[in-house]
N, C-alpha and C. Protein backbone atom coordinates (compact mmCIF):
# COMPACT_ATOMS: atom_id res chain seq x y z
N MET A 1 -45.38 79.85 16.71
CA MET A 1 -44.99 81.29 16.06
C MET A 1 -43.85 81.93 16.52
N LEU A 2 -43.94 82.07 17.66
CA LEU A 2 -42.68 82.94 18.54
C LEU A 2 -41.38 82.10 18.46
N GLU A 3 -41.55 80.80 18.24
CA GLU A 3 -40.30 79.74 17.96
C GLU A 3 -39.80 79.77 16.64
N ALA A 4 -40.95 80.22 15.62
CA ALA A 4 -40.75 80.09 14.32
C ALA A 4 -39.94 81.43 13.78
N ALA A 5 -40.22 82.53 14.38
CA ALA A 5 -40.07 83.89 14.04
C ALA A 5 -38.44 84.17 13.77
N PRO A 6 -37.58 83.82 14.92
CA PRO A 6 -36.37 84.22 14.88
C PRO A 6 -35.64 83.27 13.62
N ARG A 7 -36.23 82.09 13.29
CA ARG A 7 -35.60 81.43 12.44
C ARG A 7 -35.85 82.31 11.05
N MET A 8 -37.20 82.60 10.81
CA MET A 8 -37.41 83.31 9.67
C MET A 8 -36.56 84.65 9.56
N ARG A 9 -36.50 85.20 10.80
CA ARG A 9 -35.45 86.45 10.77
C ARG A 9 -34.33 86.25 10.09
N ASP A 10 -33.74 85.03 10.45
CA ASP A 10 -32.56 84.74 10.22
C ASP A 10 -32.27 84.39 8.26
N ASP A 11 -33.39 83.80 8.07
CA ASP A 11 -33.80 83.37 6.80
C ASP A 11 -33.93 84.35 5.68
N GLY A 12 -34.08 85.53 6.38
CA GLY A 12 -34.36 86.82 5.60
C GLY A 12 -35.95 86.91 5.29
N GLY A 13 -36.89 86.33 6.29
CA GLY A 13 -38.36 86.41 5.69
C GLY A 13 -39.14 85.16 5.64
N GLY A 14 -40.49 85.46 5.80
CA GLY A 14 -41.41 84.36 5.99
C GLY A 14 -42.56 84.66 6.13
N ARG A 15 -43.75 83.72 6.06
CA ARG A 15 -44.99 83.97 6.39
C ARG A 15 -45.67 83.15 7.69
N ILE A 16 -46.24 83.89 8.39
CA ILE A 16 -46.75 83.24 9.34
C ILE A 16 -48.48 83.23 8.99
N VAL A 17 -49.04 82.26 9.30
CA VAL A 17 -50.66 82.28 9.31
C VAL A 17 -51.29 81.87 10.56
N ASN A 18 -52.33 82.63 11.16
CA ASN A 18 -53.00 82.30 12.53
C ASN A 18 -54.53 82.01 12.18
N VAL A 19 -55.08 81.08 12.03
CA VAL A 19 -56.50 80.92 12.09
C VAL A 19 -57.27 81.35 13.41
N ALA A 20 -57.82 82.21 13.59
CA ALA A 20 -58.41 82.51 14.80
C ALA A 20 -59.93 82.13 14.43
N SER A 21 -60.83 83.43 14.50
CA SER A 21 -62.41 82.96 14.29
C SER A 21 -63.24 84.61 14.57
N ILE A 22 -64.09 84.47 13.75
CA ILE A 22 -65.05 85.69 14.03
C ILE A 22 -64.83 86.22 15.37
N GLY A 23 -65.19 85.01 16.33
CA GLY A 23 -64.96 85.45 17.76
C GLY A 23 -63.65 85.92 18.26
N GLY A 24 -62.73 86.53 17.36
CA GLY A 24 -61.62 87.06 17.89
C GLY A 24 -62.03 88.61 17.43
N LEU A 25 -62.88 88.72 16.51
CA LEU A 25 -63.09 90.46 16.25
C LEU A 25 -64.74 90.69 16.82
N VAL A 26 -65.50 89.80 17.35
CA VAL A 26 -66.62 90.26 17.86
C VAL A 26 -67.19 89.07 18.89
N ALA A 27 -67.13 89.77 19.89
CA ALA A 27 -67.56 88.84 21.32
C ALA A 27 -68.55 87.95 21.17
N VAL A 28 -68.44 86.72 21.42
CA VAL A 28 -69.94 85.72 21.24
C VAL A 28 -70.64 85.46 22.44
N PRO A 29 -71.92 85.69 22.67
CA PRO A 29 -72.30 85.40 23.68
C PRO A 29 -72.35 84.09 24.10
N HIS A 30 -72.34 83.53 25.42
CA HIS A 30 -72.07 82.37 26.04
C HIS A 30 -70.75 81.62 25.76
N LEU A 31 -69.86 82.27 24.85
CA LEU A 31 -68.61 81.69 24.63
C LEU A 31 -67.51 82.73 24.77
N LEU A 32 -67.76 83.09 26.21
CA LEU A 32 -66.84 84.44 26.57
C LEU A 32 -65.25 83.71 26.71
N SER A 33 -64.79 82.63 27.18
CA SER A 33 -63.80 82.35 27.15
C SER A 33 -63.16 81.97 26.01
N TYR A 34 -63.92 81.34 25.01
CA TYR A 34 -63.69 81.16 23.62
C TYR A 34 -63.07 82.49 22.69
N SER A 35 -64.20 83.24 23.08
CA SER A 35 -63.81 84.71 22.36
C SER A 35 -62.53 85.61 22.83
N ALA A 36 -62.43 85.39 24.20
CA ALA A 36 -61.14 86.02 24.81
C ALA A 36 -59.79 85.45 24.14
N SER A 37 -59.69 84.01 23.97
CA SER A 37 -58.92 83.24 23.54
C SER A 37 -58.38 83.81 22.23
N LYS A 38 -59.39 83.86 21.43
CA LYS A 38 -59.42 84.47 19.87
C LYS A 38 -59.32 85.95 19.82
N PHE A 39 -59.47 86.85 20.71
CA PHE A 39 -59.24 88.21 20.91
C PHE A 39 -57.74 88.20 21.07
N ALA A 40 -57.15 87.49 22.17
CA ALA A 40 -55.98 87.43 22.53
C ALA A 40 -54.94 86.64 20.94
N LEU A 41 -55.65 85.81 20.21
CA LEU A 41 -54.50 85.28 19.18
C LEU A 41 -54.59 86.54 18.06
N VAL A 42 -56.19 87.09 17.81
CA VAL A 42 -55.95 88.25 16.89
C VAL A 42 -54.98 89.34 17.45
N GLY A 43 -54.72 89.77 18.34
CA GLY A 43 -54.09 90.98 19.12
C GLY A 43 -52.48 90.58 19.13
N VAL A 44 -51.99 89.43 19.56
CA VAL A 44 -51.01 88.85 19.60
C VAL A 44 -50.29 89.01 17.79
N SER A 45 -51.46 88.41 17.06
CA SER A 45 -51.05 88.58 15.54
C SER A 45 -50.71 89.64 15.08
N GLN A 46 -51.47 90.70 15.56
CA GLN A 46 -51.41 92.16 15.00
C GLN A 46 -50.21 92.73 15.41
N GLY A 47 -49.93 92.52 16.43
CA GLY A 47 -48.65 93.01 17.21
C GLY A 47 -47.23 92.56 16.63
N LEU A 48 -47.49 91.24 16.58
CA LEU A 48 -46.17 90.70 15.97
C LEU A 48 -46.03 90.79 14.31
N ARG A 49 -47.25 90.90 13.64
CA ARG A 49 -47.21 91.40 12.42
C ARG A 49 -46.27 92.83 12.36
N SER A 50 -46.58 94.05 13.00
CA SER A 50 -45.96 94.96 13.17
C SER A 50 -44.67 94.86 13.59
N GLU A 51 -44.14 94.02 14.50
CA GLU A 51 -42.81 93.80 15.08
C GLU A 51 -41.90 93.25 13.97
N LEU A 52 -42.66 92.21 13.14
CA LEU A 52 -41.68 91.56 12.22
C LEU A 52 -41.42 92.10 10.83
N ALA A 53 -42.24 93.12 10.79
CA ALA A 53 -42.17 93.77 9.35
C ALA A 53 -41.08 94.29 8.73
N LYS A 54 -40.12 94.77 9.51
CA LYS A 54 -38.91 95.26 9.48
C LYS A 54 -38.12 93.83 9.02
N ASP A 55 -38.24 92.79 9.30
CA ASP A 55 -37.52 91.62 8.84
C ASP A 55 -38.12 90.59 7.67
N ASP A 56 -39.21 91.18 7.18
CA ASP A 56 -39.81 90.72 6.02
C ASP A 56 -40.74 89.49 6.21
N VAL A 57 -40.92 89.54 7.55
CA VAL A 57 -42.02 88.17 7.99
C VAL A 57 -43.40 88.90 8.09
N VAL A 58 -44.32 88.22 7.35
CA VAL A 58 -45.42 88.69 7.22
C VAL A 58 -46.45 87.84 8.06
N VAL A 59 -47.37 88.39 9.00
CA VAL A 59 -48.34 87.56 9.81
C VAL A 59 -49.70 87.87 9.26
N THR A 60 -50.52 86.99 8.81
CA THR A 60 -51.93 87.15 8.38
C THR A 60 -52.64 86.42 9.44
N THR A 61 -53.88 86.81 9.83
CA THR A 61 -54.69 86.28 10.75
C THR A 61 -55.89 86.04 9.94
N VAL A 62 -56.38 84.63 9.96
CA VAL A 62 -57.63 84.34 9.29
C VAL A 62 -58.81 84.36 10.38
N CYS A 63 -59.79 85.03 9.98
CA CYS A 63 -60.92 84.77 10.87
C CYS A 63 -62.54 84.51 10.18
N PRO A 64 -62.66 82.97 10.34
CA PRO A 64 -63.74 82.82 9.46
C PRO A 64 -64.87 82.62 10.43
N LEU A 65 -66.29 82.42 9.95
CA LEU A 65 -67.35 82.36 10.66
C LEU A 65 -67.99 81.06 10.48
N LEU A 66 -68.22 81.17 9.24
CA LEU A 66 -69.15 79.75 8.90
C LEU A 66 -68.11 78.57 8.29
N THR A 67 -68.47 77.45 8.11
CA THR A 67 -67.46 76.35 7.27
C THR A 67 -67.03 76.87 5.91
N TRP A 68 -66.23 76.87 5.32
CA TRP A 68 -65.99 76.89 3.82
C TRP A 68 -65.17 75.44 3.50
N SER A 69 -65.53 75.20 2.48
CA SER A 69 -64.73 74.19 1.93
C SER A 69 -63.23 74.36 2.20
N ALA A 70 -62.34 73.29 2.54
CA ALA A 70 -61.02 73.30 2.87
C ALA A 70 -60.52 73.79 1.58
N PRO A 71 -60.39 73.30 0.26
CA PRO A 71 -59.87 73.96 -0.98
C PRO A 71 -60.30 75.39 -1.26
N ARG A 72 -61.54 75.79 -0.94
CA ARG A 72 -62.03 77.24 -1.00
C ARG A 72 -61.15 78.10 0.03
N ALA A 73 -61.07 77.48 1.22
CA ALA A 73 -60.57 78.63 2.25
C ALA A 73 -58.85 78.50 2.20
N ALA A 74 -58.35 77.42 1.73
CA ALA A 74 -56.78 77.53 1.50
C ALA A 74 -56.47 78.47 0.28
N GLU A 75 -57.34 78.18 -0.82
CA GLU A 75 -57.12 79.10 -1.93
C GLU A 75 -57.19 80.53 -1.48
N ARG A 76 -58.09 80.87 -0.50
CA ARG A 76 -57.95 82.30 -0.09
C ARG A 76 -56.96 82.74 0.78
N ILE A 77 -56.55 81.78 1.58
CA ILE A 77 -55.52 81.91 2.81
C ILE A 77 -54.21 82.05 1.90
N VAL A 78 -53.83 81.29 1.07
CA VAL A 78 -52.76 81.35 -0.03
C VAL A 78 -52.51 82.77 -0.71
N LEU A 79 -53.85 83.16 -1.01
CA LEU A 79 -53.70 84.47 -1.84
C LEU A 79 -53.35 85.72 -0.98
N ALA A 80 -54.08 85.14 0.27
CA ALA A 80 -53.65 86.49 1.35
C ALA A 80 -52.30 86.74 1.65
N CYS A 81 -51.53 85.37 1.84
CA CYS A 81 -50.25 85.14 2.01
C CYS A 81 -49.22 85.77 0.90
N ARG A 82 -49.63 85.59 -0.32
CA ARG A 82 -49.25 86.29 -1.32
C ARG A 82 -49.14 87.76 -1.60
N ARG A 83 -50.42 88.31 -1.09
CA ARG A 83 -50.68 89.45 -1.24
C ARG A 83 -50.00 90.45 0.21
N GLY A 84 -49.68 89.61 1.20
CA GLY A 84 -49.13 89.98 2.48
C GLY A 84 -50.21 90.67 3.24
N GLU A 85 -51.29 90.30 2.94
CA GLU A 85 -52.44 90.60 3.94
C GLU A 85 -52.44 90.65 5.17
N GLY A 86 -53.10 91.37 6.25
CA GLY A 86 -52.64 91.42 7.59
C GLY A 86 -54.16 90.63 8.13
N ARG A 87 -55.13 90.57 7.80
CA ARG A 87 -56.35 89.86 7.94
C ARG A 87 -57.21 89.44 6.89
N VAL A 88 -58.01 88.38 7.20
CA VAL A 88 -58.80 87.81 6.26
C VAL A 88 -59.74 87.20 7.11
N VAL A 89 -61.05 87.90 6.63
CA VAL A 89 -62.23 87.64 6.99
C VAL A 89 -62.90 86.55 6.15
N LEU A 90 -63.26 85.39 6.61
CA LEU A 90 -63.58 84.47 5.67
C LEU A 90 -65.46 84.34 5.61
N GLY A 91 -66.04 84.63 4.58
CA GLY A 91 -67.43 84.67 4.44
C GLY A 91 -68.22 86.08 4.57
N PHE A 92 -69.11 85.92 3.82
CA PHE A 92 -69.75 87.32 3.76
C PHE A 92 -70.70 87.52 5.28
N PRO A 93 -71.13 86.77 5.92
CA PRO A 93 -71.69 86.83 7.32
C PRO A 93 -70.55 87.30 8.42
N ALA A 94 -69.39 86.88 8.22
CA ALA A 94 -68.43 87.07 9.26
C ALA A 94 -67.80 88.45 8.81
N LYS A 95 -67.89 88.99 7.41
CA LYS A 95 -67.66 90.59 7.33
C LYS A 95 -68.49 91.19 7.81
N VAL A 96 -69.45 91.16 7.64
CA VAL A 96 -70.73 91.92 7.81
C VAL A 96 -70.86 92.25 9.46
N LEU A 97 -70.71 90.95 10.00
CA LEU A 97 -70.26 91.11 11.61
C LEU A 97 -69.30 92.00 12.11
N ALA A 98 -68.00 91.87 11.48
CA ALA A 98 -66.79 92.42 11.57
C ALA A 98 -66.83 93.84 11.39
N THR A 99 -67.30 94.06 10.11
CA THR A 99 -67.69 95.56 9.83
C THR A 99 -68.87 96.63 10.90
N LEU A 100 -69.84 95.81 11.00
CA LEU A 100 -70.89 96.57 11.90
C LEU A 100 -70.15 96.89 13.49
N ASP A 101 -69.47 95.59 13.86
CA ASP A 101 -68.74 95.65 15.10
C ASP A 101 -67.95 97.04 15.31
N ALA A 102 -67.08 96.83 14.06
CA ALA A 102 -66.07 98.07 13.93
C ALA A 102 -66.92 99.51 13.94
N LEU A 103 -67.88 99.60 13.18
CA LEU A 103 -68.58 100.82 12.86
C LEU A 103 -69.58 101.37 13.88
N MET A 104 -70.47 100.37 14.34
CA MET A 104 -71.10 100.45 15.47
C MET A 104 -71.22 99.62 16.38
N PRO A 105 -70.43 99.59 17.38
CA PRO A 105 -70.12 98.49 18.41
C PRO A 105 -71.26 98.84 19.33
N ASP A 106 -71.92 100.07 19.60
CA ASP A 106 -73.02 99.98 20.62
C ASP A 106 -74.31 98.99 20.06
N LEU A 107 -74.56 99.20 18.67
CA LEU A 107 -75.76 98.55 18.18
C LEU A 107 -75.53 96.92 18.07
N MET A 108 -74.00 96.56 17.79
CA MET A 108 -73.66 95.30 17.88
C MET A 108 -73.80 94.69 19.33
N ALA A 109 -73.52 95.43 20.38
CA ALA A 109 -73.50 94.84 21.86
C ALA A 109 -75.05 94.64 22.02
N GLN A 110 -76.07 95.76 21.53
CA GLN A 110 -77.40 95.18 21.73
C GLN A 110 -77.97 94.07 20.90
N ALA A 111 -77.50 93.95 19.60
CA ALA A 111 -77.74 92.94 18.77
C ALA A 111 -77.34 91.45 19.67
N MET A 112 -76.05 91.46 20.15
CA MET A 112 -75.44 90.36 20.73
C MET A 112 -76.14 90.12 22.05
N ALA A 113 -76.73 91.09 22.68
CA ALA A 113 -77.45 90.88 23.95
C ALA A 113 -79.12 90.30 23.61
N LEU A 114 -79.50 90.53 22.53
CA LEU A 114 -80.58 89.81 21.98
C LEU A 114 -80.19 88.45 21.66
N THR A 115 -79.36 88.26 20.98
CA THR A 115 -78.88 87.02 21.08
C THR A 115 -78.70 86.39 21.99
N ALA A 116 -78.06 86.68 22.98
CA ALA A 116 -77.61 85.93 24.13
C ALA A 116 -79.24 85.35 24.86
N ARG A 117 -80.29 86.57 24.58
CA ARG A 117 -81.63 86.42 25.42
C ARG A 117 -82.12 85.11 24.76
N LEU A 118 -81.71 84.87 23.54
CA LEU A 118 -82.51 83.97 22.54
C LEU A 118 -81.84 82.45 22.36
N LEU A 119 -80.34 82.54 23.00
CA LEU A 119 -79.82 81.31 23.08
C LEU A 119 -80.44 80.51 24.42
N PRO A 120 -80.08 79.17 24.30
CA PRO A 120 -80.75 78.40 25.72
C PRO A 120 -80.02 78.65 26.91
N ALA A 121 -80.79 78.81 28.00
CA ALA A 121 -80.04 78.95 29.24
C ALA A 121 -79.31 77.85 29.89
N PRO A 122 -78.29 78.41 30.38
CA PRO A 122 -77.24 77.12 31.12
C PRO A 122 -78.36 76.53 32.07
N PRO A 123 -77.78 75.07 32.41
CA PRO A 123 -78.39 74.06 33.34
C PRO A 123 -78.86 75.02 34.55
N ALA A 124 -79.83 74.89 34.83
CA ALA A 124 -80.04 75.62 36.44
C ALA A 124 -79.53 75.15 37.59
N ASN A 125 -79.05 74.06 37.62
CA ASN A 125 -78.04 73.44 38.71
C ASN A 125 -76.51 74.09 38.52
N GLY A 126 -76.31 74.61 37.42
CA GLY A 126 -74.91 74.98 37.03
C GLY A 126 -73.82 74.22 36.54
N SER A 127 -74.48 72.89 36.52
CA SER A 127 -73.43 71.90 35.64
C SER A 127 -73.51 72.14 34.25
N ARG A 128 -72.08 71.88 33.70
CA ARG A 128 -71.66 71.89 32.73
C ARG A 128 -71.68 70.68 31.80
N ALA A 129 -72.43 69.69 32.24
CA ALA A 129 -72.35 68.41 31.60
C ALA A 129 -72.10 68.61 29.99
N SER A 130 -71.24 67.79 29.18
CA SER A 130 -70.90 68.07 28.19
C SER A 130 -72.04 67.13 27.29
N LYS A 131 -72.54 67.56 25.86
CA LYS A 131 -73.50 67.01 25.00
C LYS A 131 -72.62 66.83 23.77
N THR A 132 -73.31 66.13 23.10
CA THR A 132 -72.72 65.73 21.79
C THR A 132 -73.20 66.75 20.61
N GLY A 133 -72.85 67.02 19.61
CA GLY A 133 -73.30 67.96 18.65
C GLY A 133 -74.74 67.89 18.24
N ALA A 134 -75.09 66.49 18.25
CA ALA A 134 -76.31 66.17 17.86
C ALA A 134 -77.48 66.56 18.89
N GLU A 135 -76.99 66.43 20.37
CA GLU A 135 -78.09 66.99 21.26
C GLU A 135 -78.02 68.19 21.09
N SER A 136 -77.24 68.92 20.72
CA SER A 136 -77.51 70.36 20.65
C SER A 136 -78.38 70.74 19.29
N GLU A 137 -78.76 70.22 18.68
CA GLU A 137 -79.23 70.36 17.34
C GLU A 137 -80.62 71.18 17.67
N SER A 138 -81.03 72.16 16.91
CA SER A 138 -82.30 73.30 17.05
C SER A 138 -82.67 73.14 15.37
N PRO A 139 -83.86 73.64 15.13
CA PRO A 139 -84.53 74.32 13.99
C PRO A 139 -83.35 75.03 13.09
N LEU A 140 -82.84 76.10 14.22
CA LEU A 140 -81.96 77.09 13.70
C LEU A 140 -80.58 76.09 12.96
N THR A 141 -80.33 75.22 13.58
CA THR A 141 -78.97 74.90 13.17
C THR A 141 -79.12 73.75 11.99
N ARG A 142 -80.49 73.37 12.07
CA ARG A 142 -80.89 72.54 10.76
C ARG A 142 -81.00 73.21 9.61
N GLY A 143 -81.21 74.52 9.57
CA GLY A 143 -81.65 75.42 8.79
C GLY A 143 -80.66 75.79 7.58
N PRO A 144 -80.97 76.38 6.60
CA PRO A 144 -80.02 76.62 5.38
C PRO A 144 -78.61 77.63 5.60
N LEU A 145 -78.84 78.23 6.91
CA LEU A 145 -77.56 79.22 7.47
C LEU A 145 -76.25 78.34 7.69
N LEU A 146 -76.68 77.04 8.17
CA LEU A 146 -75.56 76.33 8.36
C LEU A 146 -75.34 75.03 7.74
N ALA A 147 -75.72 74.96 6.30
CA ALA A 147 -75.69 73.94 5.48
C ALA A 147 -74.39 73.50 5.22
N LEU A 148 -73.33 74.53 5.16
CA LEU A 148 -71.92 74.48 4.81
C LEU A 148 -71.54 73.35 5.79
N ASN A 149 -71.82 73.90 7.25
CA ASN A 149 -71.18 73.27 8.20
C ASN A 149 -71.59 71.67 8.33
N ARG A 150 -73.18 71.33 8.04
CA ARG A 150 -73.33 70.17 7.91
C ARG A 150 -72.57 69.29 6.55
N ARG A 151 -72.46 70.01 5.52
CA ARG A 151 -71.73 69.28 4.62
C ARG A 151 -70.22 68.74 5.09
N ALA A 152 -69.52 69.99 5.72
CA ALA A 152 -68.19 69.57 6.06
C ALA A 152 -68.03 68.45 7.14
N GLU A 153 -69.40 68.51 7.87
CA GLU A 153 -69.26 67.30 8.95
C GLU A 153 -69.32 66.09 8.28
N ILE A 154 -70.39 65.88 7.27
CA ILE A 154 -70.22 64.54 6.49
C ILE A 154 -68.84 64.28 5.52
N THR A 155 -68.55 65.18 5.16
CA THR A 155 -67.34 64.83 4.26
C THR A 155 -66.04 64.74 5.35
N GLY A 156 -65.83 65.24 6.50
CA GLY A 156 -64.71 65.01 7.47
C GLY A 156 -65.20 63.83 8.16
N ASN A 157 -66.51 63.31 8.22
CA ASN A 157 -66.88 62.07 9.08
C ASN A 157 -66.91 62.64 10.44
N GLU A 158 -67.34 64.13 10.87
CA GLU A 158 -67.18 64.49 12.27
C GLU A 158 -68.62 64.55 12.66
N ARG A 159 -69.41 63.69 12.24
CA ARG A 159 -70.91 63.72 12.94
C ARG A 159 -70.72 62.64 14.13
N HIS A 160 -71.18 63.16 15.23
CA HIS A 160 -71.29 62.33 16.27
C HIS A 160 -72.65 62.32 16.72
N ASN A 161 -73.19 61.47 17.00
CA ASN A 161 -74.74 61.14 17.50
C ASN A 161 -74.64 60.54 18.83
């Protein structure tokens, strides 16, 4: 993005799309390094959008939560680029989380604290042994909430047992 920006300025404008995550708008318990990197991407995208506006370079940040089909997500991202939108939050659950966090940060912090208590604890010995996705399954991950994720795994041949 930083390499492309000068060329876009010279060419009279352009579009930059950064795909972050809802984790760039709402801190996710047990994924703090991930959230920090996504917050950084959202922040640098927002700042660069302001800096490059005078050069007709539009920066759009995409923040999805759950998996959308690739064609549907691409269609929404292209529409955002055409409209010059600064941020696109994909999916109703992501929009709810982002809105609640913006309007009621203390309530969201309490909800995330409850979420953290409900998540499995890290191993007692402190090891961070990696596990496959299948080893991390639970009734929640097999439920309807993540049905699109499972479908995308199958479509993309991403299921690892």
